[in-house]
Amino acid sequence: MENTWVVVAIAVVVALGFPIILYNGLVRLRNHCRESWSDVDTELKRRHDLIPNLVEVVKGYAKHERELFERVASLRSQAMSGRNSPGELAAKENELMGAVGRLFALAEGYPSLKADEHFQRLMRELVLTEDRIQAARRFYNANVRDFNTRCEVFPSVILAKTFSFEAEEFFELSDVKERIAPAVGLGS
């Protein structure tokens, strides 16, 4: 009789404990996704803060390129606006960096600009920031992969559906050409 109670107690603990452990694991992974998205967001803000300085330096050398400067400013504002899903934000960021790439191409035509110490410092900061964004994006996507996998595998899929855990969206580039890092020359 005493053994029966022990078996029943163990069965109750397992029956209650296992779902709790699965649920807490899902919450933990979801929070890792949110935290790592915050890291991506921080690095994107850093990029957004660098771009106006870069535009101002280039403006001093290429005053007649007003349309490009306005386009960069407009795209920066769009990228910074509102709460976007990772996919929407990736599209906006890709367009912004395309315009910044045109700004770099413009700078190639001005040897004195390429030699400008302030311009070189901004370029180095931007390259460093791009590296940090890539690292943050990889970390975020790894957390999303782990969370989404946990939401889809048995038996945690049952709890994920019961408690409305939604799959997270990856932050990825949409165009294969955009996956190739642009060459940025810092000059000497």
C-alpha atoms as a PDB file:
ATOM      1  CA  MET A   1       0.000   0.000   0.000  1.00  0.00           C
ATOM      2  CA  GLU A   2       2.818   2.366   0.897  1.00  0.00           C
ATOM      3  CA  ASN A   3       4.559   1.675  -2.442  1.00  0.00           C
ATOM      4  CA  THR A   4       1.367   2.532  -4.293  1.00  0.00           C
ATOM      5  CA  TRP A   5       1.288   6.011  -2.737  1.00  0.00           C
ATOM      6  CA  VAL A   6       4.908   6.591  -3.696  1.00  0.00           C
ATOM      7  CA  VAL A   7       4.207   5.575  -7.291  1.00  0.00           C
ATOM      8  CA  VAL A   8       1.103   7.802  -7.405  1.00  0.00           C
ATOM      9  CA  ALA A   9       3.063  10.725  -5.917  1.00  0.00           C
ATOM     10  CA  ILE A  10       5.845  10.312  -8.471  1.00  0.00           C
ATOM     11  CA  ALA A  11       3.300  10.093 -11.303  1.00  0.00           C
ATOM     12  CA  VAL A  12       1.589  13.297 -10.106  1.00  0.00           C
ATOM     13  CA  VAL A  13       4.908  15.144  -9.811  1.00  0.00           C
ATOM     14  CA  VAL A  14       5.923  14.038 -13.317  1.00  0.00           C
ATOM     15  CA  ALA A  15       2.484  14.833 -14.759  1.00  0.00           C
ATOM     16  CA  LEU A  16       2.556  18.352 -13.285  1.00  0.00           C
ATOM     17  CA  GLY A  17       6.298  19.013 -13.495  1.00  0.00           C
ATOM     18  CA  PHE A  18       6.900  18.070 -17.120  1.00  0.00           C
ATOM     19  CA  PRO A  19       4.437  20.613 -18.611  1.00  0.00           C
ATOM     20  CA  ILE A  20       5.769  23.284 -16.270  1.00  0.00           C
ATOM     21  CA  ILE A  21       9.330  22.617 -17.413  1.00  0.00           C
ATOM     22  CA  LEU A  22       8.264  22.709 -21.084  1.00  0.00           C
ATOM     23  CA  TYR A  23       6.279  25.923 -20.595  1.00  0.00           C
ATOM     24  CA  ASN A  24       9.141  27.643 -18.765  1.00  0.00           C
ATOM     25  CA  GLY A  25      11.513  26.581 -21.539  1.00  0.00           C
ATOM     26  CA  LEU A  26       9.254  28.177 -24.146  1.00  0.00           C
ATOM     27  CA  VAL A  27       9.042  31.393 -22.142  1.00  0.00           C
ATOM     28  CA  ARG A  28      12.812  31.444 -21.681  1.00  0.00           C
ATOM     29  CA  LEU A  29      13.437  31.009 -25.416  1.00  0.00           C
ATOM     30  CA  ARG A  30      10.840  33.651 -26.320  1.00  0.00           C
ATOM     31  CA  ASN A  31      12.576  36.074 -23.951  1.00  0.00           C
ATOM     32  CA  HIS A  32      15.948  35.262 -25.540  1.00  0.00           C
ATOM     33  CA  CYS A  33      14.436  36.192 -28.918  1.00  0.00           C
ATOM     34  CA  ARG A  34      13.128  39.480 -27.557  1.00  0.00           C
ATOM     35  CA  GLU A  35      16.429  40.292 -25.886  1.00  0.00           C
ATOM     36  CA  SER A  36      18.469  39.509 -28.984  1.00  0.00           C
ATOM     37  CA  TRP A  37      16.068  41.570 -31.129  1.00  0.00           C
ATOM     38  CA  SER A  38      16.771  44.445 -28.770  1.00  0.00           C
ATOM     39  CA  ASP A  39      20.492  43.992 -29.527  1.00  0.00           C
ATOM     40  CA  VAL A  40      19.787  44.207 -33.272  1.00  0.00           C
ATOM     41  CA  ASP A  41      17.673  47.294 -32.686  1.00  0.00           C
ATOM     42  CA  THR A  42      20.465  48.948 -30.685  1.00  0.00           C
ATOM     43  CA  GLU A  43      22.983  48.393 -33.466  1.00  0.00           C
ATOM     44  CA  LEU A  44      20.556  49.673 -36.102  1.00  0.00           C
ATOM     45  CA  LYS A  45      20.077  52.817 -34.014  1.00  0.00           C
ATOM     46  CA  ARG A  46      23.848  53.231 -33.929  1.00  0.00           C
ATOM     47  CA  ARG A  47      23.885  52.991 -37.737  1.00  0.00           C
ATOM     48  CA  HIS A  48      21.059  55.506 -37.985  1.00  0.00           C
ATOM     49  CA  ASP A  49      22.990  57.917 -35.775  1.00  0.00           C
ATOM     50  CA  LEU A  50      26.128  57.656 -37.927  1.00  0.00           C
ATOM     51  CA  ILE A  51      24.447  58.233 -41.278  1.00  0.00           C
ATOM     52  CA  PRO A  52      23.544  61.945 -40.829  1.00  0.00           C
ATOM     53  CA  ASN A  53      27.151  62.696 -39.862  1.00  0.00           C
ATOM     54  CA  LEU A  54      28.396  60.878 -42.942  1.00  0.00           C
ATOM     55  CA  VAL A  55      25.932  62.762 -45.143  1.00  0.00           C
ATOM     56  CA  GLU A  56      27.049  66.113 -43.691  1.00  0.00           C
ATOM     57  CA  VAL A  57      30.703  65.396 -44.392  1.00  0.00           C
ATOM     58  CA  VAL A  58      29.998  64.339 -47.970  1.00  0.00           C
ATOM     59  CA  LYS A  59      27.675  67.336 -48.445  1.00  0.00           C
ATOM     60  CA  GLY A  60      30.599  69.661 -47.853  1.00  0.00           C
ATOM     61  CA  TYR A  61      32.381  68.202 -50.878  1.00  0.00           C
ATOM     62  CA  ALA A  62      29.508  67.374 -53.206  1.00  0.00           C
ATOM     63  CA  LYS A  63      26.961  70.133 -52.787  1.00  0.00           C
ATOM     64  CA  HIS A  64      25.259  69.363 -56.127  1.00  0.00           C
ATOM     65  CA  GLU A  65      24.137  65.868 -55.025  1.00  0.00           C
ATOM     66  CA  ARG A  66      21.148  67.154 -53.064  1.00  0.00           C
ATOM     67  CA  GLU A  67      18.727  64.496 -54.352  1.00  0.00           C
ATOM     68  CA  LEU A  68      20.909  61.665 -53.012  1.00  0.00           C
ATOM     69  CA  PHE A  69      21.250  63.360 -49.617  1.00  0.00           C
ATOM     70  CA  GLU A  70      17.496  63.817 -49.365  1.00  0.00           C
ATOM     71  CA  ARG A  71      16.934  60.173 -50.364  1.00  0.00           C
ATOM     72  CA  VAL A  72      19.318  58.939 -47.654  1.00  0.00           C
ATOM     73  CA  ALA A  73      17.602  61.140 -45.055  1.00  0.00           C
ATOM     74  CA  SER A  74      14.147  59.940 -46.150  1.00  0.00           C
ATOM     75  CA  LEU A  75      15.132  56.265 -46.063  1.00  0.00           C
ATOM     76  CA  ARG A  76      16.740  56.716 -42.647  1.00  0.00           C
ATOM     77  CA  SER A  77      13.496  58.196 -41.310  1.00  0.00           C
ATOM     78  CA  GLN A  78      11.482  55.329 -42.766  1.00  0.00           C
ATOM     79  CA  ALA A  79      13.813  52.750 -41.226  1.00  0.00           C
ATOM     80  CA  MET A  80      13.558  54.396 -37.833  1.00  0.00           C
ATOM     81  CA  SER A  81       9.768  54.804 -37.904  1.00  0.00           C
ATOM     82  CA  GLY A  82       7.435  52.684 -35.870  1.00  0.00           C
ATOM     83  CA  ARG A  83       7.512  49.075 -34.804  1.00  0.00           C
ATOM     84  CA  ASN A  84       8.263  46.893 -37.785  1.00  0.00           C
ATOM     85  CA  SER A  85       8.451  43.152 -38.047  1.00  0.00           C
ATOM     86  CA  PRO A  86      11.957  41.833 -38.689  1.00  0.00           C
ATOM     87  CA  GLY A  87      11.068  41.214 -42.342  1.00  0.00           C
ATOM     88  CA  GLU A  88       9.691  44.722 -42.892  1.00  0.00           C
ATOM     89  CA  LEU A  89      12.635  46.287 -41.117  1.00  0.00           C
ATOM     90  CA  ALA A  90      15.114  44.209 -43.132  1.00  0.00           C
ATOM     91  CA  ALA A  91      13.579  45.526 -46.373  1.00  0.00           C
ATOM     92  CA  LYS A  92      13.806  49.133 -45.156  1.00  0.00           C
ATOM     93  CA  GLU A  93      17.362  48.671 -43.909  1.00  0.00           C
ATOM     94  CA  ASN A  94      18.411  47.079 -47.201  1.00  0.00           C
ATOM     95  CA  GLU A  95      17.073  50.048 -49.133  1.00  0.00           C
ATOM     96  CA  LEU A  96      18.789  52.475 -46.752  1.00  0.00           C
ATOM     97  CA  MET A  97      22.136  50.741 -47.088  1.00  0.00           C
ATOM     98  CA  GLY A  98      21.771  50.763 -50.871  1.00  0.00           C
ATOM     99  CA  ALA A  99      21.475  54.548 -50.746  1.00  0.00           C
ATOM    100  CA  VAL A 100      24.444  54.765 -48.361  1.00  0.00           C
ATOM    101  CA  GLY A 101      26.374  52.624 -50.863  1.00  0.00           C
ATOM    102  CA  ARG A 102      25.601  55.225 -53.535  1.00  0.00           C
ATOM    103  CA  LEU A 103      26.928  57.837 -51.114  1.00  0.00           C
ATOM    104  CA  PHE A 104      30.185  55.851 -50.845  1.00  0.00           C
ATOM    105  CA  ALA A 105      30.358  55.618 -54.636  1.00  0.00           C
ATOM    106  CA  LEU A 106      29.942  59.378 -54.813  1.00  0.00           C
ATOM    107  CA  ALA A 107      32.809  59.828 -52.366  1.00  0.00           C
ATOM    108  CA  GLU A 108      35.072  57.864 -54.732  1.00  0.00           C
ATOM    109  CA  GLY A 109      34.929  60.815 -57.118  1.00  0.00           C
ATOM    110  CA  TYR A 110      36.335  63.201 -54.520  1.00  0.00           C
ATOM    111  CA  PRO A 111      39.921  62.294 -53.548  1.00  0.00           C
ATOM    112  CA  SER A 112      40.058  65.106 -50.980  1.00  0.00           C
ATOM    113  CA  LEU A 113      36.925  63.692 -49.318  1.00  0.00           C
ATOM    114  CA  LYS A 114      38.384  60.190 -49.208  1.00  0.00           C
ATOM    115  CA  ALA A 115      41.449  61.656 -47.490  1.00  0.00           C
ATOM    116  CA  ASP A 116      39.371  63.644 -44.975  1.00  0.00           C
ATOM    117  CA  GLU A 117      40.084  62.373 -41.447  1.00  0.00           C
ATOM    118  CA  HIS A 118      36.494  62.870 -40.281  1.00  0.00           C
ATOM    119  CA  PHE A 119      35.163  60.947 -43.296  1.00  0.00           C
ATOM    120  CA  GLN A 120      37.610  58.097 -42.700  1.00  0.00           C
ATOM    121  CA  ARG A 121      36.638  57.917 -39.025  1.00  0.00           C
ATOM    122  CA  LEU A 122      32.939  57.793 -39.913  1.00  0.00           C
ATOM    123  CA  MET A 123      33.605  55.083 -42.493  1.00  0.00           C
ATOM    124  CA  ARG A 124      35.491  52.982 -39.935  1.00  0.00           C
ATOM    125  CA  GLU A 125      32.644  53.423 -37.440  1.00  0.00           C
ATOM    126  CA  LEU A 126      30.106  52.434 -40.054  1.00  0.00           C
ATOM    127  CA  VAL A 127      32.100  49.329 -41.024  1.00  0.00           C
ATOM    128  CA  LEU A 128      32.401  48.382 -37.333  1.00  0.00           C
ATOM    129  CA  THR A 129      28.682  48.973 -36.856  1.00  0.00           C
ATOM    130  CA  GLU A 130      27.862  46.782 -39.863  1.00  0.00           C
ATOM    131  CA  ASP A 131      29.944  43.991 -38.320  1.00  0.00           C
ATOM    132  CA  ARG A 132      28.087  44.413 -35.030  1.00  0.00           C
ATOM    133  CA  ILE A 133      24.721  44.346 -36.809  1.00  0.00           C
ATOM    134  CA  GLN A 134      25.690  41.116 -38.548  1.00  0.00           C
ATOM    135  CA  ALA A 135      26.736  39.531 -35.243  1.00  0.00           C
ATOM    136  CA  ALA A 136      23.522  40.685 -33.541  1.00  0.00           C
ATOM    137  CA  ARG A 137      21.457  39.416 -36.478  1.00  0.00           C
ATOM    138  CA  ARG A 138      23.142  35.991 -36.338  1.00  0.00           C
ATOM    139  CA  PHE A 139      22.533  35.800 -32.574  1.00  0.00           C
ATOM    140  CA  TYR A 140      18.889  36.826 -32.978  1.00  0.00           C
ATOM    141  CA  ASN A 141      18.310  34.339 -35.805  1.00  0.00           C
ATOM    142  CA  ALA A 142      19.890  31.531 -33.741  1.00  0.00           C
ATOM    143  CA  ASN A 143      17.512  32.303 -30.885  1.00  0.00           C
ATOM    144  CA  VAL A 144      14.559  32.401 -33.295  1.00  0.00           C
ATOM    145  CA  ARG A 145      15.618  29.048 -34.736  1.00  0.00           C
ATOM    146  CA  ASP A 146      15.782  27.493 -31.259  1.00  0.00           C
ATOM    147  CA  PHE A 147      12.444  28.975 -30.203  1.00  0.00           C
ATOM    148  CA  ASN A 148      10.658  28.002 -33.423  1.00  0.00           C
ATOM    149  CA  THR A 149      12.051  24.486 -33.222  1.00  0.00           C
ATOM    150  CA  ARG A 150      10.853  24.131 -29.640  1.00  0.00           C
ATOM    151  CA  CYS A 151       7.408  25.363 -30.682  1.00  0.00           C
ATOM    152  CA  GLU A 152       7.215  22.754 -33.450  1.00  0.00           C
ATOM    153  CA  VAL A 153       8.582  19.584 -31.825  1.00  0.00           C
ATOM    154  CA  PHE A 154       6.621  17.097 -29.777  1.00  0.00           C
ATOM    155  CA  PRO A 155       5.612  17.317 -26.944  1.00  0.00           C
ATOM    156  CA  SER A 156       6.219  21.064 -26.533  1.00  0.00           C
ATOM    157  CA  VAL A 157       4.130  21.805 -29.646  1.00  0.00           C
ATOM    158  CA  ILE A 158       1.055  20.917 -27.579  1.00  0.00           C
ATOM    159  CA  LEU A 159       1.862  23.545 -24.958  1.00  0.00           C
ATOM    160  CA  ALA A 160       2.956  26.066 -27.580  1.00  0.00           C
ATOM    161  CA  LYS A 161      -0.414  25.809 -29.310  1.00  0.00           C
ATOM    162  CA  THR A 162      -2.344  25.734 -26.027  1.00  0.00           C
ATOM    163  CA  PHE A 163      -0.685  28.916 -24.771  1.00  0.00           C
ATOM    164  CA  SER A 164      -0.557  30.644 -28.178  1.00  0.00           C
ATOM    165  CA  PHE A 165       3.199  30.808 -28.602  1.00  0.00           C
ATOM    166  CA  GLU A 166       3.698  32.170 -32.115  1.00  0.00           C
ATOM    167  CA  ALA A 167       6.723  31.432 -34.299  1.00  0.00           C
ATOM    168  CA  GLU A 168       9.155  34.338 -34.458  1.00  0.00           C
ATOM    169  CA  GLU A 169      10.234  35.883 -37.763  1.00  0.00           C
ATOM    170  CA  PHE A 170      13.853  35.704 -38.900  1.00  0.00           C
ATOM    171  CA  PHE A 171      15.710  38.927 -39.682  1.00  0.00           C
ATOM    172  CA  GLU A 172      17.219  38.156 -43.044  1.00  0.00           C
ATOM    173  CA  LEU A 173      18.106  39.729 -46.328  1.00  0.00           C
ATOM    174  CA  SER A 174      15.537  39.204 -49.029  1.00  0.00           C
ATOM    175  CA  ASP A 175      17.724  39.554 -52.120  1.00  0.00           C
ATOM    176  CA  VAL A 176      20.683  37.278 -52.822  1.00  0.00           C
ATOM    177  CA  LYS A 177      22.699  40.266 -54.142  1.00  0.00           C
ATOM    178  CA  GLU A 178      22.295  41.961 -50.747  1.00  0.00           C
ATOM    179  CA  ARG A 179      23.923  39.004 -49.005  1.00  0.00           C
ATOM    180  CA  ILE A 180      27.249  39.963 -50.559  1.00  0.00           C
ATOM    181  CA  ALA A 181      29.018  42.520 -48.366  1.00  0.00           C
ATOM    182  CA  PRO A 182      29.792  45.752 -50.227  1.00  0.00           C
ATOM    183  CA  ALA A 183      33.444  46.643 -50.642  1.00  0.00           C
ATOM    184  CA  VAL A 184      34.229  49.755 -48.639  1.00  0.00           C
ATOM    185  CA  GLY A 185      37.618  51.313 -49.222  1.00  0.00           C
ATOM    186  CA  LEU A 186      38.958  53.497 -46.447  1.00  0.00           C
ATOM    187  CA  GLY A 187      41.814  54.857 -48.498  1.00  0.00           C
ATOM    188  CA  SER A 188      45.160  55.644 -46.977  1.00  0.00           C
END
